[in-house]
């Protein structure tokens, strides 16, 4: 989709649910260039999205703490539930299944320990209108209540 060139910095690159590539800058600046259009410099505290070969205009990351995972935490601020579940699934053995359409409109703010995804899922179920069903230790299905 493009390139991200470090200019003496710390930054994160991740693939979003929609297939876009998100470049989030923690320190200094990153030059982001799309394969077909866009050439932007992204400063600390901002992010750019690479999609369809285009580099998007830098946007603020807000109150998020995108490198919290380096400290074993997932910190989110008004993030879609489906994105939170997708992230938690990456830290859990087995399968986490959910229908993003069925959970649409549900948003999450909070801090979760990545070494205890079961507790994170339980907290989400306590605070949102969702049901977490365990079919085995390796298969979890999340549905609206």
Protein backbone atom coordinates (compact mmCIF):
# COMPACT_ATOMS: atom_id res chain seq x y z
CA UNK A 1 0.00 0.00 0.00
CA UNK A 2 2.99 2.29 0.46
CA UNK A 3 6.04 2.97 2.60
CA UNK A 4 6.74 4.45 6.03
CA UNK A 5 10.25 5.82 6.49
CA UNK A 6 11.51 6.47 10.01
CA UNK A 7 13.16 9.81 10.53
CA UNK A 8 14.79 9.02 13.91
CA UNK A 9 11.61 7.93 15.65
CA UNK A 10 9.36 5.35 17.31
CA UNK A 11 6.23 4.38 15.42
CA UNK A 12 3.69 1.57 15.06
CA UNK A 13 2.22 -0.04 11.96
CA UNK A 14 -0.93 -2.17 12.08
CA UNK A 15 -3.52 -3.51 9.69
CA UNK A 16 -7.02 -2.20 10.40
CA UNK A 17 -10.25 -4.21 10.13
CA UNK A 18 -11.01 -2.67 6.74
CA UNK A 19 -7.62 -3.71 5.32
CA UNK A 20 -6.03 -0.26 5.55
CA UNK A 21 -2.56 0.17 7.06
CA UNK A 22 -2.36 2.62 9.96
CA UNK A 23 0.96 4.30 10.81
CA UNK A 24 0.94 5.82 14.31
CA UNK A 25 3.86 8.01 15.39
CA UNK A 26 4.99 7.92 19.03
CA UNK A 27 8.15 10.06 18.77
CA UNK A 28 9.62 12.42 16.16
CA UNK A 29 8.37 12.13 12.55
CA UNK A 30 7.66 9.44 9.93
CA UNK A 31 7.45 10.05 6.17
CA UNK A 32 4.47 8.10 4.79
CA UNK A 33 4.13 7.64 1.04
CA UNK A 34 1.34 5.89 -0.84
CA UNK A 35 2.09 3.78 -3.90
CA UNK A 36 -0.17 5.94 -6.08
CA UNK A 37 -0.73 9.21 -4.21
CA UNK A 38 0.11 11.10 -1.08
CA UNK A 39 3.39 11.91 0.56
CA UNK A 40 2.95 13.15 4.13
CA UNK A 41 5.13 13.72 7.16
CA UNK A 42 3.42 12.45 10.29
CA UNK A 43 4.54 14.04 13.58
CA UNK A 44 4.43 12.50 17.07
CA UNK A 45 0.89 12.09 18.39
CA UNK A 46 -0.63 11.67 14.95
CA UNK A 47 -1.41 8.84 12.53
CA UNK A 48 -1.86 8.40 8.80
CA UNK A 49 -3.79 5.68 6.98
CA UNK A 50 -2.55 3.98 3.83
CA UNK A 51 -5.44 2.69 1.75
CA UNK A 52 -5.89 2.00 -1.94
CA UNK A 53 -2.32 3.21 -2.53
CA UNK A 54 -2.98 6.61 -0.97
CA UNK A 55 -1.47 8.14 2.16
CA UNK A 56 -4.06 9.98 4.21
CA UNK A 57 -3.71 13.35 5.89
CA UNK A 58 -2.28 13.01 9.41
CA UNK A 59 -4.91 12.87 12.17
CA UNK A 60 -4.48 13.18 15.95
CA UNK A 61 -4.42 9.91 17.90
CA UNK A 62 -6.40 11.54 20.71
CA UNK A 63 -6.25 10.06 24.19
CA UNK A 64 -5.25 6.61 22.96
CA UNK A 65 -2.03 4.99 24.15
CA UNK A 66 -1.06 2.99 21.06
CA UNK A 67 2.12 1.48 22.50
CA UNK A 68 0.52 0.36 25.79
CA UNK A 69 0.85 -3.23 24.52
CA UNK A 70 4.62 -2.95 25.16
CA UNK A 71 3.64 -2.72 28.87
CA UNK A 72 1.10 -5.59 28.62
CA UNK A 73 -1.95 -3.32 28.42
CA UNK A 74 -4.66 -2.48 25.95
CA UNK A 75 -5.81 1.11 26.45
CA UNK A 76 -8.75 2.28 24.39
CA UNK A 77 -10.77 5.47 24.27
CA UNK A 78 -14.15 5.36 22.51
CA UNK A 79 -13.05 2.55 20.18
CA UNK A 80 -15.49 0.24 18.35
CA UNK A 81 -16.11 -2.99 20.29
CA UNK A 82 -15.27 -5.09 17.23
CA UNK A 83 -11.77 -3.54 17.07
CA UNK A 84 -11.23 -4.20 20.79
CA UNK A 85 -12.34 -7.83 20.36
CA UNK A 86 -10.06 -8.23 17.34
CA UNK A 87 -7.11 -6.97 19.37
CA UNK A 88 -7.92 -9.20 22.36
CA UNK A 89 -8.25 -12.20 20.02
CA UNK A 90 -4.63 -11.71 18.99
CA UNK A 91 -3.53 -12.25 22.61
CA UNK A 92 -5.71 -15.29 23.26
CA UNK A 93 -5.19 -18.95 22.43
CA UNK A 94 -7.97 -20.35 20.29
CA UNK A 95 -10.77 -18.60 18.45
CA UNK A 96 -12.78 -15.52 19.33
CA UNK A 97 -15.83 -15.27 17.07
CA UNK A 98 -18.20 -12.34 16.71
CA UNK A 99 -20.26 -10.59 14.06
CA UNK A 100 -19.04 -6.98 13.72
CA UNK A 101 -22.41 -5.94 12.24
CA UNK A 102 -24.31 -7.30 15.24
CA UNK A 103 -22.05 -5.35 17.60
CA UNK A 104 -22.08 -2.17 15.53
CA UNK A 105 -22.54 1.01 17.52
CA UNK A 106 -21.01 -0.40 20.71
CA UNK A 107 -17.95 1.55 21.79
CA UNK A 108 -15.37 0.90 24.50
CA UNK A 109 -13.15 2.99 26.74
CA UNK A 110 -10.92 1.32 29.31
CA UNK A 111 -7.69 -0.41 30.22
CA UNK A 112 -7.35 -4.19 29.94
CA UNK A 113 -4.50 -6.56 30.83
CA UNK A 114 -3.40 -8.49 27.77
CA UNK A 115 -2.21 -11.46 29.82
CA UNK A 116 -5.77 -12.05 31.11
CA UNK A 117 -8.10 -11.81 28.13
CA UNK A 118 -10.75 -13.78 30.02
CA UNK A 119 -11.00 -10.98 32.60
CA UNK A 120 -11.12 -8.41 29.79
CA UNK A 121 -14.00 -10.25 28.10
CA UNK A 122 -15.83 -10.58 31.44
CA UNK A 123 -15.45 -6.84 32.05
CA UNK A 124 -16.83 -6.07 28.60
CA UNK A 125 -19.83 -8.36 29.26
CA UNK A 126 -20.43 -6.64 32.62
CA UNK A 127 -20.48 -3.19 31.05
CA UNK A 128 -22.00 -3.70 27.60
CA UNK A 129 -25.13 -5.49 26.36
CA UNK A 130 -23.15 -8.52 25.16
CA UNK A 131 -22.96 -12.18 26.09
CA UNK A 132 -19.65 -14.10 26.14
CA UNK A 133 -20.14 -17.84 25.55
CA UNK A 134 -17.30 -20.32 26.11
CA UNK A 135 -17.75 -23.53 24.14
CA UNK A 136 -14.33 -24.79 25.20
CA UNK A 137 -11.23 -23.04 26.56
CA UNK A 138 -10.31 -22.47 22.92
CA UNK A 139 -13.62 -21.27 21.43
CA UNK A 140 -15.35 -18.08 22.57
CA UNK A 141 -18.37 -16.49 20.87
CA UNK A 142 -19.50 -12.94 21.63
CA UNK A 143 -23.09 -11.96 20.83
CA UNK A 144 -25.42 -9.09 21.68
CA UNK A 145 -27.75 -9.77 24.62
